[in-house]
Amino acid sequence: MKKETVFGVTAVYKKVPEGYIGYVEEITGVNTQGSTLSETKINLKEALKLIIESNRKLAEKECKLPSTIFRLPNGEIKTGDDIDEKRLPPKTIVLFRK
């Protein structure tokens, strides 16, 4: 068994009769296989990228953040997609915009 750090996580590689298997200890679902250790390392990096991308997309769907969040000069927070920015008071700060 061989361990190394890849993108800040622990990649584990094991020799099996069919070649190699690889997985990331810290993230469930990031695993792969390959004929050679080199192929398995490449496959594992790709699997990690795909899982991170998928998790990011799921998180964005679940959060359902408004497209824009404003802080008015009096400290009040306004959110929403239908706010007419031209009608907001001067010195309004945009805190978040998709």
C-alpha atoms as a PDB file:
ATOM      1  CA  MET A   1       0.000   0.000   0.000  1.00  0.00           C
ATOM      2  CA  LYS A   2       1.248   3.467  -0.906  1.00  0.00           C
ATOM      3  CA  LYS A   3      -0.051   6.807   0.409  1.00  0.00           C
ATOM      4  CA  GLU A   4       0.599  10.317  -0.895  1.00  0.00           C
ATOM      5  CA  THR A   5      -0.949  13.765  -0.672  1.00  0.00           C
ATOM      6  CA  VAL A   6      -2.843  14.904  -3.780  1.00  0.00           C
ATOM      7  CA  PHE A   7      -4.624  18.290  -3.813  1.00  0.00           C
ATOM      8  CA  GLY A   8      -4.376  18.366  -0.012  1.00  0.00           C
ATOM      9  CA  VAL A   9      -6.031  14.967   0.609  1.00  0.00           C
ATOM     10  CA  THR A  10      -4.601  11.491   1.190  1.00  0.00           C
ATOM     11  CA  ALA A  11      -4.537   9.241  -1.852  1.00  0.00           C
ATOM     12  CA  VAL A  12      -4.161   5.528  -1.123  1.00  0.00           C
ATOM     13  CA  TYR A  13      -3.025   3.042  -3.776  1.00  0.00           C
ATOM     14  CA  LYS A  14      -3.094  -0.757  -3.423  1.00  0.00           C
ATOM     15  CA  LYS A  15      -1.747  -3.443  -5.721  1.00  0.00           C
ATOM     16  CA  VAL A  16      -4.397  -6.027  -6.627  1.00  0.00           C
ATOM     17  CA  PRO A  17      -4.240  -8.986  -9.039  1.00  0.00           C
ATOM     18  CA  GLU A  18      -5.943  -6.929 -11.798  1.00  0.00           C
ATOM     19  CA  GLY A  19      -3.604  -3.923 -11.402  1.00  0.00           C
ATOM     20  CA  TYR A  20      -4.121  -1.136  -8.864  1.00  0.00           C
ATOM     21  CA  ILE A  21      -6.980   0.471  -6.969  1.00  0.00           C
ATOM     22  CA  GLY A  22      -6.896   3.959  -5.557  1.00  0.00           C
ATOM     23  CA  TYR A  23      -9.097   5.999  -3.246  1.00  0.00           C
ATOM     24  CA  VAL A  24      -9.104   9.204  -1.211  1.00  0.00           C
ATOM     25  CA  GLU A  25      -9.326   8.583   2.531  1.00  0.00           C
ATOM     26  CA  GLU A  26     -11.111  11.838   3.396  1.00  0.00           C
ATOM     27  CA  ILE A  27     -13.840  11.884   0.707  1.00  0.00           C
ATOM     28  CA  THR A  28     -16.322   9.041   0.277  1.00  0.00           C
ATOM     29  CA  GLY A  29     -16.893   8.060  -3.348  1.00  0.00           C
ATOM     30  CA  VAL A  30     -13.511   9.088  -4.741  1.00  0.00           C
ATOM     31  CA  ASN A  31     -12.084   5.782  -5.936  1.00  0.00           C
ATOM     32  CA  THR A  32     -10.782   4.236  -9.125  1.00  0.00           C
ATOM     33  CA  GLN A  33      -8.704   1.468 -10.660  1.00  0.00           C
ATOM     34  CA  GLY A  34      -6.074   1.103 -13.336  1.00  0.00           C
ATOM     35  CA  SER A  35      -3.734  -1.364 -15.000  1.00  0.00           C
ATOM     36  CA  THR A  36      -0.655   0.505 -13.733  1.00  0.00           C
ATOM     37  CA  LEU A  37       0.070   2.736 -10.753  1.00  0.00           C
ATOM     38  CA  SER A  38       0.569   5.679 -13.099  1.00  0.00           C
ATOM     39  CA  GLU A  39      -2.808   5.131 -14.776  1.00  0.00           C
ATOM     40  CA  THR A  40      -4.488   4.762 -11.379  1.00  0.00           C
ATOM     41  CA  LYS A  41      -2.996   8.080 -10.176  1.00  0.00           C
ATOM     42  CA  ILE A  42      -4.295   9.880 -13.271  1.00  0.00           C
ATOM     43  CA  ASN A  43      -7.723   8.268 -12.865  1.00  0.00           C
ATOM     44  CA  LEU A  44      -7.886   9.190  -9.171  1.00  0.00           C
ATOM     45  CA  LYS A  45      -7.110  12.854  -9.845  1.00  0.00           C
ATOM     46  CA  GLU A  46      -9.902  12.916 -12.427  1.00  0.00           C
ATOM     47  CA  ALA A  47     -12.321  11.185 -10.037  1.00  0.00           C
ATOM     48  CA  LEU A  48     -11.485  13.728  -7.321  1.00  0.00           C
ATOM     49  CA  LYS A  49     -12.093  16.644  -9.685  1.00  0.00           C
ATOM     50  CA  LEU A  50     -15.447  15.167 -10.782  1.00  0.00           C
ATOM     51  CA  ILE A  51     -16.646  14.574  -7.204  1.00  0.00           C
ATOM     52  CA  ILE A  52     -15.683  18.113  -6.147  1.00  0.00           C
ATOM     53  CA  GLU A  53     -17.435  19.584  -9.194  1.00  0.00           C
ATOM     54  CA  SER A  54     -20.565  17.483  -8.554  1.00  0.00           C
ATOM     55  CA  ASN A  55     -20.645  18.393  -4.860  1.00  0.00           C
ATOM     56  CA  ARG A  56     -20.273  22.091  -5.715  1.00  0.00           C
ATOM     57  CA  LYS A  57     -23.207  21.933  -8.144  1.00  0.00           C
ATOM     58  CA  LEU A  58     -25.369  20.119  -5.591  1.00  0.00           C
ATOM     59  CA  ALA A  59     -24.510  22.665  -2.902  1.00  0.00           C
ATOM     60  CA  GLU A  60     -25.422  25.560  -5.206  1.00  0.00           C
ATOM     61  CA  LYS A  61     -28.808  23.961  -5.946  1.00  0.00           C
ATOM     62  CA  GLU A  62     -29.550  23.294  -2.281  1.00  0.00           C
ATOM     63  CA  CYS A  63     -28.508  26.750  -1.059  1.00  0.00           C
ATOM     64  CA  LYS A  64     -30.734  28.656  -3.500  1.00  0.00           C
ATOM     65  CA  LEU A  65     -29.053  31.961  -2.792  1.00  0.00           C
ATOM     66  CA  PRO A  66     -30.651  35.070  -4.275  1.00  0.00           C
ATOM     67  CA  SER A  67     -28.843  36.503  -7.257  1.00  0.00           C
ATOM     68  CA  THR A  68     -27.855  39.649  -5.334  1.00  0.00           C
ATOM     69  CA  ILE A  69     -27.513  40.691  -1.692  1.00  0.00           C
ATOM     70  CA  PHE A  70     -27.230  44.383  -0.749  1.00  0.00           C
ATOM     71  CA  ARG A  71     -26.400  46.186   2.495  1.00  0.00           C
ATOM     72  CA  LEU A  72     -28.095  49.577   2.742  1.00  0.00           C
ATOM     73  CA  PRO A  73     -26.337  52.531   4.419  1.00  0.00           C
ATOM     74  CA  ASN A  74     -28.523  52.038   7.535  1.00  0.00           C
ATOM     75  CA  GLY A  75     -27.274  48.414   7.852  1.00  0.00           C
ATOM     76  CA  GLU A  76     -30.448  46.789   6.506  1.00  0.00           C
ATOM     77  CA  ILE A  77     -29.918  43.787   4.216  1.00  0.00           C
ATOM     78  CA  LYS A  78     -31.956  43.485   1.007  1.00  0.00           C
ATOM     79  CA  THR A  79     -31.994  40.400  -1.175  1.00  0.00           C
ATOM     80  CA  GLY A  80     -33.691  39.376  -4.341  1.00  0.00           C
ATOM     81  CA  ASP A  81     -33.681  39.118  -8.066  1.00  0.00           C
ATOM     82  CA  ASP A  82     -36.222  41.863  -8.685  1.00  0.00           C
ATOM     83  CA  ILE A  83     -34.605  44.796  -6.840  1.00  0.00           C
ATOM     84  CA  ASP A  84     -34.182  47.879  -9.016  1.00  0.00           C
ATOM     85  CA  GLU A  85     -30.615  48.878  -8.211  1.00  0.00           C
ATOM     86  CA  LYS A  86     -31.183  52.400  -9.558  1.00  0.00           C
ATOM     87  CA  ARG A  87     -33.684  53.010  -6.769  1.00  0.00           C
ATOM     88  CA  LEU A  88     -31.361  51.970  -3.937  1.00  0.00           C
ATOM     89  CA  PRO A  89     -29.854  54.763  -1.805  1.00  0.00           C
ATOM     90  CA  PRO A  90     -26.308  55.984  -2.431  1.00  0.00           C
ATOM     91  CA  LYS A  91     -23.529  54.115  -0.587  1.00  0.00           C
ATOM     92  CA  THR A  92     -25.449  50.814  -0.841  1.00  0.00           C
ATOM     93  CA  ILE A  93     -22.925  47.979  -0.883  1.00  0.00           C
ATOM     94  CA  VAL A  94     -23.273  44.836  -2.991  1.00  0.00           C
ATOM     95  CA  LEU A  95     -22.345  41.941  -0.689  1.00  0.00           C
ATOM     96  CA  PHE A  96     -22.957  39.126  -3.168  1.00  0.00           C
ATOM     97  CA  ARG A  97     -23.816  38.822  -6.865  1.00  0.00           C
ATOM     98  CA  LYS A  98     -24.061  35.627  -8.934  1.00  0.00           C
END
